N, C-alpha and C. Protein backbone atom coordinates (compact mmCIF):
# COMPACT_ATOMS: atom_id res chain seq x y z
N MET A 1 27.70 -72.52 91.26
CA MET A 1 26.34 -72.99 91.22
C MET A 1 25.72 -72.56 89.87
N LYS A 2 25.01 -73.48 89.26
CA LYS A 2 24.38 -73.19 87.97
C LYS A 2 23.18 -72.26 88.15
N LEU A 3 22.90 -71.50 87.10
CA LEU A 3 21.81 -70.54 87.14
C LEU A 3 20.49 -71.22 87.45
N GLY A 4 20.22 -72.36 86.83
CA GLY A 4 18.97 -73.07 87.10
C GLY A 4 18.82 -73.44 88.56
N GLU A 5 19.91 -73.85 89.19
CA GLU A 5 19.87 -74.20 90.61
C GLU A 5 19.55 -72.98 91.47
N ILE A 6 20.11 -71.84 91.11
CA ILE A 6 19.84 -70.60 91.84
C ILE A 6 18.37 -70.22 91.70
N LEU A 7 17.86 -70.29 90.49
CA LEU A 7 16.45 -69.93 90.25
C LEU A 7 15.51 -70.88 90.99
N LEU A 8 15.84 -72.16 91.02
CA LEU A 8 15.04 -73.12 91.78
C LEU A 8 15.10 -72.81 93.27
N ARG A 9 16.29 -72.56 93.75
CA ARG A 9 16.50 -72.27 95.18
C ARG A 9 15.74 -71.02 95.61
N ARG A 10 15.67 -70.03 94.72
CA ARG A 10 14.96 -68.79 95.02
C ARG A 10 13.46 -68.93 94.76
N LYS A 11 13.04 -70.12 94.30
CA LYS A 11 11.63 -70.43 94.00
C LYS A 11 11.03 -69.51 92.93
N LEU A 12 11.86 -69.17 91.95
CA LEU A 12 11.40 -68.33 90.84
C LEU A 12 10.86 -69.17 89.70
N ILE A 13 11.33 -70.42 89.63
CA ILE A 13 10.84 -71.35 88.60
C ILE A 13 10.64 -72.72 89.25
N SER A 14 9.88 -73.56 88.56
CA SER A 14 9.69 -74.94 89.03
C SER A 14 10.68 -75.86 88.30
N GLN A 15 10.82 -77.06 88.82
CA GLN A 15 11.69 -78.03 88.17
C GLN A 15 11.19 -78.34 86.77
N GLN A 16 9.87 -78.38 86.59
CA GLN A 16 9.29 -78.66 85.28
C GLN A 16 9.64 -77.54 84.29
N GLN A 17 9.54 -76.29 84.71
CA GLN A 17 9.91 -75.17 83.85
C GLN A 17 11.37 -75.26 83.45
N LEU A 18 12.22 -75.58 84.41
CA LEU A 18 13.65 -75.70 84.12
C LEU A 18 13.90 -76.81 83.11
N ASN A 19 13.29 -77.96 83.31
CA ASN A 19 13.47 -79.08 82.40
C ASN A 19 13.02 -78.73 80.98
N GLU A 20 11.87 -78.05 80.86
CA GLU A 20 11.37 -77.68 79.54
C GLU A 20 12.31 -76.72 78.83
N VAL A 21 12.82 -75.74 79.56
CA VAL A 21 13.70 -74.75 78.94
C VAL A 21 15.05 -75.37 78.62
N LEU A 22 15.53 -76.27 79.46
CA LEU A 22 16.81 -76.93 79.15
C LEU A 22 16.69 -77.77 77.88
N THR A 23 15.55 -78.41 77.67
CA THR A 23 15.33 -79.18 76.44
C THR A 23 15.33 -78.23 75.24
N GLU A 24 14.62 -77.12 75.38
CA GLU A 24 14.59 -76.13 74.29
C GLU A 24 15.98 -75.57 74.01
N GLN A 25 16.73 -75.36 75.08
CA GLN A 25 18.08 -74.79 74.94
C GLN A 25 18.98 -75.68 74.08
N GLN A 26 18.79 -76.97 74.17
CA GLN A 26 19.60 -77.90 73.36
C GLN A 26 19.33 -77.72 71.88
N LEU A 27 18.12 -77.26 71.55
CA LEU A 27 17.73 -77.10 70.15
C LEU A 27 18.19 -75.78 69.55
N ASN A 28 18.23 -74.70 70.35
CA ASN A 28 18.55 -73.40 69.77
C ASN A 28 19.76 -72.70 70.37
N CYS A 29 20.38 -73.29 71.38
CA CYS A 29 21.64 -72.78 71.93
C CYS A 29 21.57 -71.36 72.51
N LYS A 30 20.38 -70.92 72.93
CA LYS A 30 20.27 -69.62 73.60
C LYS A 30 20.60 -69.80 75.07
N PRO A 31 21.05 -68.73 75.73
CA PRO A 31 21.31 -68.81 77.16
C PRO A 31 20.05 -69.12 77.93
N LEU A 32 20.19 -69.86 79.02
CA LEU A 32 19.06 -70.27 79.83
C LEU A 32 18.23 -69.08 80.31
N GLY A 33 18.89 -68.09 80.84
CA GLY A 33 18.19 -66.91 81.35
C GLY A 33 17.37 -66.21 80.26
N GLU A 34 17.95 -66.09 79.09
CA GLU A 34 17.25 -65.45 77.97
C GLU A 34 15.97 -66.21 77.62
N LEU A 35 16.05 -67.53 77.59
CA LEU A 35 14.88 -68.34 77.29
C LEU A 35 13.80 -68.19 78.36
N LEU A 36 14.21 -68.17 79.62
CA LEU A 36 13.23 -68.03 80.70
C LEU A 36 12.54 -66.67 80.65
N VAL A 37 13.26 -65.62 80.29
CA VAL A 37 12.65 -64.30 80.15
C VAL A 37 11.70 -64.31 78.95
N GLU A 38 12.11 -64.91 77.83
CA GLU A 38 11.24 -64.99 76.65
C GLU A 38 9.94 -65.71 76.95
N HIS A 39 10.00 -66.72 77.81
CA HIS A 39 8.81 -67.50 78.18
C HIS A 39 8.03 -66.84 79.32
N SER A 40 8.49 -65.69 79.76
CA SER A 40 7.87 -64.96 80.87
C SER A 40 7.85 -65.78 82.17
N ALA A 41 8.82 -66.66 82.31
CA ALA A 41 8.95 -67.45 83.54
C ALA A 41 9.58 -66.61 84.65
N ILE A 42 10.48 -65.70 84.25
CA ILE A 42 11.13 -64.79 85.19
C ILE A 42 11.21 -63.41 84.53
N SER A 43 11.41 -62.41 85.34
CA SER A 43 11.59 -61.05 84.81
C SER A 43 13.06 -60.80 84.52
N LYS A 44 13.32 -59.75 83.76
CA LYS A 44 14.71 -59.38 83.49
C LYS A 44 15.43 -59.05 84.80
N GLN A 45 14.71 -58.42 85.73
CA GLN A 45 15.30 -58.08 87.02
C GLN A 45 15.66 -59.34 87.81
N ASP A 46 14.77 -60.34 87.81
CA ASP A 46 15.07 -61.63 88.47
C ASP A 46 16.31 -62.25 87.88
N LEU A 47 16.44 -62.17 86.56
CA LEU A 47 17.60 -62.74 85.87
C LEU A 47 18.87 -62.01 86.31
N GLU A 48 18.83 -60.68 86.32
CA GLU A 48 20.00 -59.90 86.70
C GLU A 48 20.45 -60.21 88.12
N VAL A 49 19.49 -60.28 89.04
CA VAL A 49 19.83 -60.57 90.44
C VAL A 49 20.40 -61.98 90.56
N SER A 50 19.82 -62.92 89.85
CA SER A 50 20.30 -64.31 89.92
C SER A 50 21.68 -64.47 89.31
N LEU A 51 21.93 -63.75 88.21
CA LEU A 51 23.27 -63.79 87.60
C LEU A 51 24.30 -63.15 88.52
N GLN A 52 23.90 -62.09 89.22
CA GLN A 52 24.80 -61.46 90.18
C GLN A 52 25.14 -62.45 91.31
N GLU A 53 24.10 -63.14 91.78
CA GLU A 53 24.34 -64.16 92.83
C GLU A 53 25.30 -65.23 92.32
N GLN A 54 25.08 -65.68 91.08
CA GLN A 54 25.94 -66.71 90.50
C GLN A 54 27.40 -66.23 90.47
N LYS A 55 27.59 -64.98 90.06
CA LYS A 55 28.94 -64.41 89.98
C LYS A 55 29.58 -64.37 91.38
N TRP A 56 28.82 -63.90 92.35
CA TRP A 56 29.34 -63.81 93.72
C TRP A 56 29.67 -65.19 94.28
N ARG A 57 28.80 -66.16 94.03
CA ARG A 57 29.07 -67.52 94.52
C ARG A 57 30.33 -68.08 93.87
N LYS A 58 30.48 -67.85 92.57
CA LYS A 58 31.65 -68.37 91.84
C LYS A 58 32.95 -67.81 92.43
N ASN A 59 32.88 -66.56 92.85
CA ASN A 59 34.07 -65.91 93.40
C ASN A 59 34.21 -66.10 94.91
N GLY A 60 33.29 -66.87 95.51
CA GLY A 60 33.40 -67.20 96.93
C GLY A 60 32.98 -66.11 97.90
N PHE A 61 32.18 -65.15 97.42
CA PHE A 61 31.80 -64.04 98.27
C PHE A 61 30.36 -64.11 98.77
N TRP A 62 29.60 -65.12 98.35
CA TRP A 62 28.20 -65.19 98.73
C TRP A 62 28.05 -65.66 100.16
N VAL A 63 27.35 -64.89 100.98
CA VAL A 63 27.13 -65.23 102.37
C VAL A 63 25.63 -65.27 102.62
N ILE A 64 25.15 -66.35 103.19
CA ILE A 64 23.74 -66.49 103.51
C ILE A 64 23.58 -66.19 104.99
N LYS A 65 22.70 -65.26 105.31
CA LYS A 65 22.47 -64.89 106.70
C LYS A 65 21.42 -65.75 107.32
């Protein structure tokens, strides 16, 4: 699952925020999470937790209760 999808699912960002940052990302090639933190859309802690979730999902260990 992509980071943007995780952040949307966790309701940390809106679709509009994601679209704006994805457009900016095409211009400067920075990681999505870094841009969202720079824009104060999410905290560093939110980014870390979301990246951890992404890692766990990729490895098939994520369980939703």
